[in-house]
C-alpha atoms as a PDB file:
ATOM      1  CA  UNK A   1     -73.311  48.494 -18.682  1.00  0.00           C
ATOM      2  CA  UNK A   2     -74.578  50.901 -16.065  1.00  0.00           C
ATOM      3  CA  UNK A   3     -76.456  54.073 -16.906  1.00  0.00           C
ATOM      4  CA  UNK A   4     -76.831  56.783 -14.332  1.00  0.00           C
ATOM      5  CA  UNK A   5     -79.859  59.031 -14.732  1.00  0.00           C
ATOM      6  CA  UNK A   6     -78.001  62.255 -14.166  1.00  0.00           C
ATOM      7  CA  UNK A   7     -75.649  61.424 -17.040  1.00  0.00           C
ATOM      8  CA  UNK A   8     -78.605  61.806 -19.393  1.00  0.00           C
ATOM      9  CA  UNK A   9     -79.100  65.445 -18.416  1.00  0.00           C
ATOM     10  CA  UNK A  10     -75.688  66.786 -17.429  1.00  0.00           C
ATOM     11  CA  UNK A  11     -73.164  68.335 -19.678  1.00  0.00           C
ATOM     12  CA  UNK A  12     -70.084  66.253 -20.519  1.00  0.00           C
ATOM     13  CA  UNK A  13     -67.775  68.013 -18.063  1.00  0.00           C
ATOM     14  CA  UNK A  14     -70.110  67.400 -15.126  1.00  0.00           C
ATOM     15  CA  UNK A  15     -71.070  63.803 -15.925  1.00  0.00           C
ATOM     16  CA  UNK A  16     -67.998  61.982 -14.650  1.00  0.00           C
ATOM     17  CA  UNK A  17     -66.841  61.400 -18.218  1.00  0.00           C
ATOM     18  CA  UNK A  18     -69.866  59.441 -19.417  1.00  0.00           C
ATOM     19  CA  UNK A  19     -71.458  62.381 -21.176  1.00  0.00           C
ATOM     20  CA  UNK A  20     -74.883  61.903 -22.691  1.00  0.00           C
ATOM     21  CA  UNK A  21     -74.427  58.128 -23.121  1.00  0.00           C
ATOM     22  CA  UNK A  22     -78.031  56.973 -23.388  1.00  0.00           C
ATOM     23  CA  UNK A  23     -79.375  59.773 -25.570  1.00  0.00           C
ATOM     24  CA  UNK A  24     -76.281  59.943 -27.753  1.00  0.00           C
ATOM     25  CA  UNK A  25     -76.148  56.247 -28.510  1.00  0.00           C
ATOM     26  CA  UNK A  26     -79.819  55.287 -28.454  1.00  0.00           C
ATOM     27  CA  UNK A  27     -80.292  56.575 -32.011  1.00  0.00           C
ATOM     28  CA  UNK A  28     -77.397  54.486 -33.292  1.00  0.00           C
ATOM     29  CA  UNK A  29     -78.858  51.232 -34.679  1.00  0.00           C
ATOM     30  CA  UNK A  30     -75.542  49.421 -34.134  1.00  0.00           C
ATOM     31  CA  UNK A  31     -75.664  50.349 -30.463  1.00  0.00           C
ATOM     32  CA  UNK A  32     -79.288  49.180 -30.148  1.00  0.00           C
ATOM     33  CA  UNK A  33     -78.378  45.781 -31.609  1.00  0.00           C
ATOM     34  CA  UNK A  34     -75.542  45.354 -29.101  1.00  0.00           C
ATOM     35  CA  UNK A  35     -77.446  46.384 -25.965  1.00  0.00           C
ATOM     36  CA  UNK A  36     -78.818  43.713 -23.699  1.00  0.00           C
ATOM     37  CA  UNK A  37     -82.262  44.126 -22.208  1.00  0.00           C
ATOM     38  CA  UNK A  38     -83.007  42.946 -18.688  1.00  0.00           C
ATOM     39  CA  UNK A  39     -85.864  41.261 -16.800  1.00  0.00           C
ATOM     40  CA  UNK A  40     -85.171  43.522 -13.838  1.00  0.00           C
ATOM     41  CA  UNK A  41     -83.890  47.087 -13.757  1.00  0.00           C
ATOM     42  CA  UNK A  42     -83.170  48.449 -10.285  1.00  0.00           C
ATOM     43  CA  UNK A  43     -82.571  52.047  -9.315  1.00  0.00           C
ATOM     44  CA  UNK A  44     -81.840  53.407  -5.874  1.00  0.00           C
ATOM     45  CA  UNK A  45     -81.939  57.104  -5.051  1.00  0.00           C
ATOM     46  CA  UNK A  46     -82.229  58.143  -8.708  1.00  0.00           C
ATOM     47  CA  UNK A  47     -85.061  60.704  -8.591  1.00  0.00           C
ATOM     48  CA  UNK A  48     -83.768  64.154  -7.718  1.00  0.00           C
ATOM     49  CA  UNK A  49     -85.319  66.688 -10.065  1.00  0.00           C
ATOM     50  CA  UNK A  50     -88.100  67.137 -12.596  1.00  0.00           C
ATOM     51  CA  UNK A  51     -85.540  67.292 -15.395  1.00  0.00           C
ATOM     52  CA  UNK A  52     -84.198  63.828 -14.492  1.00  0.00           C
ATOM     53  CA  UNK A  53     -87.566  62.029 -14.590  1.00  0.00           C
ATOM     54  CA  UNK A  54     -88.030  61.712 -18.359  1.00  0.00           C
ATOM     55  CA  UNK A  55     -84.428  60.603 -19.173  1.00  0.00           C
ATOM     56  CA  UNK A  56     -84.623  58.109 -16.302  1.00  0.00           C
ATOM     57  CA  UNK A  57     -87.915  56.599 -17.496  1.00  0.00           C
ATOM     58  CA  UNK A  58     -86.694  56.542 -21.123  1.00  0.00           C
ATOM     59  CA  UNK A  59     -83.580  54.658 -20.034  1.00  0.00           C
ATOM     60  CA  UNK A  60     -85.672  52.190 -18.024  1.00  0.00           C
ATOM     61  CA  UNK A  61     -87.927  51.559 -21.021  1.00  0.00           C
ATOM     62  CA  UNK A  62     -84.906  51.146 -23.301  1.00  0.00           C
ATOM     63  CA  UNK A  63     -83.190  48.546 -21.083  1.00  0.00           C
ATOM     64  CA  UNK A  64     -86.279  46.666 -19.841  1.00  0.00           C
ATOM     65  CA  UNK A  65     -87.274  43.418 -21.563  1.00  0.00           C
ATOM     66  CA  UNK A  66     -90.933  43.045 -22.550  1.00  0.00           C
ATOM     67  CA  UNK A  67     -92.703  41.746 -19.452  1.00  0.00           C
ATOM     68  CA  UNK A  68     -89.833  42.883 -17.219  1.00  0.00           C
ATOM     69  CA  UNK A  69     -90.080  45.043 -14.135  1.00  0.00           C
ATOM     70  CA  UNK A  70     -88.167  48.041 -12.910  1.00  0.00           C
ATOM     71  CA  UNK A  71     -87.916  48.757  -9.189  1.00  0.00           C
ATOM     72  CA  UNK A  72     -87.087  52.226  -7.936  1.00  0.00           C
ATOM     73  CA  UNK A  73     -86.345  52.946  -4.288  1.00  0.00           C
ATOM     74  CA  UNK A  74     -86.135  56.633  -3.419  1.00  0.00           C
ATOM     75  CA  UNK A  75     -86.107  58.713  -0.264  1.00  0.00           C
ATOM     76  CA  UNK A  76     -89.447  60.474   0.253  1.00  0.00           C
ATOM     77  CA  UNK A  77     -87.736  63.853   0.573  1.00  0.00           C
ATOM     78  CA  UNK A  78     -86.606  63.543  -3.045  1.00  0.00           C
ATOM     79  CA  UNK A  79     -89.487  61.715  -4.695  1.00  0.00           C
ATOM     80  CA  UNK A  80     -92.718  62.790  -2.960  1.00  0.00           C
ATOM     81  CA  UNK A  81     -92.934  66.129  -4.752  1.00  0.00           C
ATOM     82  CA  UNK A  82     -92.202  64.424  -8.109  1.00  0.00           C
ATOM     83  CA  UNK A  83     -94.617  61.490  -7.866  1.00  0.00           C
ATOM     84  CA  UNK A  84     -97.375  63.099  -9.966  1.00  0.00           C
ATOM     85  CA  UNK A  85     -94.844  64.186 -12.594  1.00  0.00           C
ATOM     86  CA  UNK A  86     -93.415  60.650 -12.675  1.00  0.00           C
ATOM     87  CA  UNK A  87     -96.894  59.165 -13.255  1.00  0.00           C
ATOM     88  CA  UNK A  88     -97.747  61.637 -16.038  1.00  0.00           C
ATOM     89  CA  UNK A  89     -94.386  61.125 -17.760  1.00  0.00           C
ATOM     90  CA  UNK A  90     -94.629  57.335 -17.427  1.00  0.00           C
ATOM     91  CA  UNK A  91     -98.094  57.340 -18.976  1.00  0.00           C
ATOM     92  CA  UNK A  92     -96.815  59.415 -21.910  1.00  0.00           C
ATOM     93  CA  UNK A  93     -94.003  56.862 -22.438  1.00  0.00           C
ATOM     94  CA  UNK A  94     -96.451  53.925 -22.287  1.00  0.00           C
ATOM     95  CA  UNK A  95     -95.185  52.817 -18.877  1.00  0.00           C
ATOM     96  CA  UNK A  96     -97.200  51.778 -15.844  1.00  0.00           C
ATOM     97  CA  UNK A  97     -95.752  53.060 -12.565  1.00  0.00           C
ATOM     98  CA  UNK A  98     -97.147  52.079  -9.168  1.00  0.00           C
ATOM     99  CA  UNK A  99     -96.105  52.852  -5.629  1.00  0.00           C
ATOM    100  CA  UNK A 100     -95.829  49.661  -3.565  1.00  0.00           C
ATOM    101  CA  UNK A 101     -95.364  51.453  -0.274  1.00  0.00           C
ATOM    102  CA  UNK A 102     -92.367  51.773   1.953  1.00  0.00           C
ATOM    103  CA  UNK A 103     -89.193  49.707   2.196  1.00  0.00           C
ATOM    104  CA  UNK A 104     -88.317  50.579   5.766  1.00  0.00           C
ATOM    105  CA  UNK A 105     -89.877  50.876   9.186  1.00  0.00           C
ATOM    106  CA  UNK A 106     -89.387  54.651   9.356  1.00  0.00           C
ATOM    107  CA  UNK A 107     -91.391  55.136   6.113  1.00  0.00           C
ATOM    108  CA  UNK A 108     -88.614  57.095   4.462  1.00  0.00           C
ATOM    109  CA  UNK A 109     -87.913  54.891   1.419  1.00  0.00           C
ATOM    110  CA  UNK A 110     -90.651  54.509  -1.201  1.00  0.00           C
ATOM    111  CA  UNK A 111     -90.698  51.599  -3.647  1.00  0.00           C
ATOM    112  CA  UNK A 112     -92.147  52.008  -7.151  1.00  0.00           C
ATOM    113  CA  UNK A 113     -92.572  49.380  -9.847  1.00  0.00           C
ATOM    114  CA  UNK A 114     -92.494  50.212 -13.537  1.00  0.00           C
ATOM    115  CA  UNK A 115     -93.685  48.005 -16.388  1.00  0.00           C
ATOM    116  CA  UNK A 116     -94.017  48.635 -20.108  1.00  0.00           C
ATOM    117  CA  UNK A 117     -97.657  48.712 -21.193  1.00  0.00           C
ATOM    118  CA  UNK A 118     -98.030  46.226 -24.035  1.00  0.00           C
END
């Protein structure tokens, strides 16, 4: 099962057919019982807009096992201006987000880790 962050905020016609998968089904107890949680959730190039941050972090929290880690790698042009908003939103969702630095020699790709605060 793959969730794409933009599918949580787009309307059905624009979301490549997936619609509002996470939000629509996360309230369904049957769905929650069938969903697997993961030790590692990885996202690459998933932070584009302010509106996408909260659905993305909610999805990460939903699919992350207790004690698990999420890794996000994003281009600085898309994530630098959203870093403070990501930290504030993560704190509100009881998540700890930290920037580990850069993933490349040109310093264009930032790596963040996310963990659920227990």
